[in-house]
C-alpha cells in the first residue's frame, strides 16, 4: 500500500475521517497477514514509511502508525503519506545464558 490520505472532506468531520483512515490501514494489514506464507517463512513483516509527503516519508515501525496519524491531527495537516510493504519475516533464535 502506497497512498496519500486526504483528511479534508466537505461532509465528514476530521475525527471521523481519521478513524476511517486508521480502519483502512488496519484492514490492509489484516488482509496481508492472512495470506499464505511461503515455505520457510515464519511470519509476515512490514516495511513502513510515514510522512507529510512521499518525498518526506521516513521509515517507521508498524506499531507507530496510529500514533503518527494522531500527531497529524494535532498538527492540523490536511494530508499524509503512508507506505506499507509486506515482506517475509524470520524469527531469530535466542541464546540463553546458562550458568
Protein backbone atom coordinates (compact mmCIF):
# COMPACT_ATOMS: atom_id res chain seq x y z
CA UNK A 1 0.00 0.00 0.00
CA UNK A 2 1.43 3.32 -1.07
CA UNK A 3 -1.12 6.01 -0.51
CA UNK A 4 -1.59 9.67 0.31
CA UNK A 5 -4.58 10.11 2.59
CA UNK A 6 -6.60 13.33 2.46
CA UNK A 7 -8.12 14.33 5.79
CA UNK A 8 -10.34 17.10 4.46
CA UNK A 9 -13.85 16.29 3.30
CA UNK A 10 -16.81 18.63 2.83
CA UNK A 11 -19.28 16.46 4.78
CA UNK A 12 -17.16 14.26 7.08
CA UNK A 13 -15.66 15.69 10.26
CA UNK A 14 -11.91 15.38 10.83
CA UNK A 15 -12.17 12.90 13.71
CA UNK A 16 -14.37 10.52 11.70
CA UNK A 17 -12.05 10.80 8.68
CA UNK A 18 -9.04 9.93 10.86
CA UNK A 19 -10.91 6.89 12.22
CA UNK A 20 -11.73 5.78 8.67
CA UNK A 21 -8.07 6.03 7.65
CA UNK A 22 -6.94 4.02 10.68
CA UNK A 23 -9.56 1.37 9.90
CA UNK A 24 -8.43 1.15 6.26
CA UNK A 25 -4.81 0.61 7.32
CA UNK A 26 -5.84 -1.99 9.91
CA UNK A 27 -7.92 -3.82 7.29
CA UNK A 28 -4.98 -3.84 4.86
CA UNK A 29 -2.60 -5.25 7.50
CA UNK A 30 -5.09 -7.98 8.40
CA UNK A 31 -5.56 -8.91 4.75
CA UNK A 32 -1.80 -9.17 4.19
CA UNK A 33 -1.25 -11.21 7.36
CA UNK A 34 -3.92 -13.72 6.31
CA UNK A 35 -2.16 -14.56 3.04
CA UNK A 36 -0.47 -17.95 2.93
CA UNK A 37 3.17 -17.92 3.95
CA UNK A 38 5.87 -19.12 1.53
CA UNK A 39 7.89 -22.17 2.55
CA UNK A 40 10.43 -21.44 5.27
CA UNK A 41 8.89 -18.12 6.33
CA UNK A 42 7.76 -17.65 9.95
CA UNK A 43 5.51 -14.58 9.62
CA UNK A 44 4.69 -11.53 7.51
CA UNK A 45 6.78 -8.49 8.39
CA UNK A 46 6.21 -4.97 7.08
CA UNK A 47 8.43 -2.17 5.80
CA UNK A 48 6.64 1.07 6.65
CA UNK A 49 7.21 4.71 5.83
CA UNK A 50 5.24 7.72 7.04
CA UNK A 51 5.46 11.41 6.22
CA UNK A 52 3.70 14.56 5.17
CA UNK A 53 4.51 13.77 1.54
CA UNK A 54 6.06 10.85 -0.31
CA UNK A 55 9.40 12.67 -0.55
CA UNK A 56 9.49 13.36 3.20
CA UNK A 57 8.49 9.85 4.29
CA UNK A 58 10.69 8.26 6.96
CA UNK A 59 10.90 4.57 7.95
CA UNK A 60 8.75 3.71 10.99
CA UNK A 61 7.58 0.58 12.80
CA UNK A 62 4.06 -0.73 12.17
CA UNK A 63 3.04 -0.08 15.78
CA UNK A 64 3.82 3.65 15.44
CA UNK A 65 1.49 4.37 12.52
CA UNK A 66 -1.65 5.10 14.60
CA UNK A 67 0.32 7.42 16.90
CA UNK A 68 1.70 9.29 13.89
CA UNK A 69 -1.80 9.64 12.41
CA UNK A 70 -2.98 11.15 15.70
CA UNK A 71 0.00 13.52 15.56
CA UNK A 72 -1.05 14.75 12.10
CA UNK A 73 -4.47 15.53 13.52
CA UNK A 74 -2.88 17.63 16.27
CA UNK A 75 -0.69 19.44 13.71
CA UNK A 76 -3.79 20.20 11.58
CA UNK A 77 -2.31 18.63 8.45
CA UNK A 78 -4.65 18.13 5.51
CA UNK A 79 -2.92 15.01 4.17
CA UNK A 80 -0.16 12.50 4.85
CA UNK A 81 1.61 9.64 3.06
CA UNK A 82 1.75 6.01 4.24
CA UNK A 83 3.70 3.18 2.62
CA UNK A 84 3.30 -0.38 3.92
CA UNK A 85 5.02 -3.22 2.07
CA UNK A 86 4.81 -6.86 3.20
CA UNK A 87 7.97 -8.94 3.37
CA UNK A 88 8.98 -12.36 4.69
CA UNK A 89 9.82 -12.43 8.39
CA UNK A 90 12.13 -14.90 10.11
CA UNK A 91 12.28 -15.49 13.84
CA UNK A 92 15.68 -15.13 15.44
CA UNK A 93 16.79 -17.76 17.92
CA UNK A 94 17.53 -16.60 21.43
CA UNK A 95 20.77 -17.52 23.04
CA UNK A 96 20.05 -18.47 26.64
CA UNK A 97 22.84 -17.71 29.07
CA UNK A 98 23.09 -20.84 31.17
CA UNK A 99 25.17 -20.60 34.30
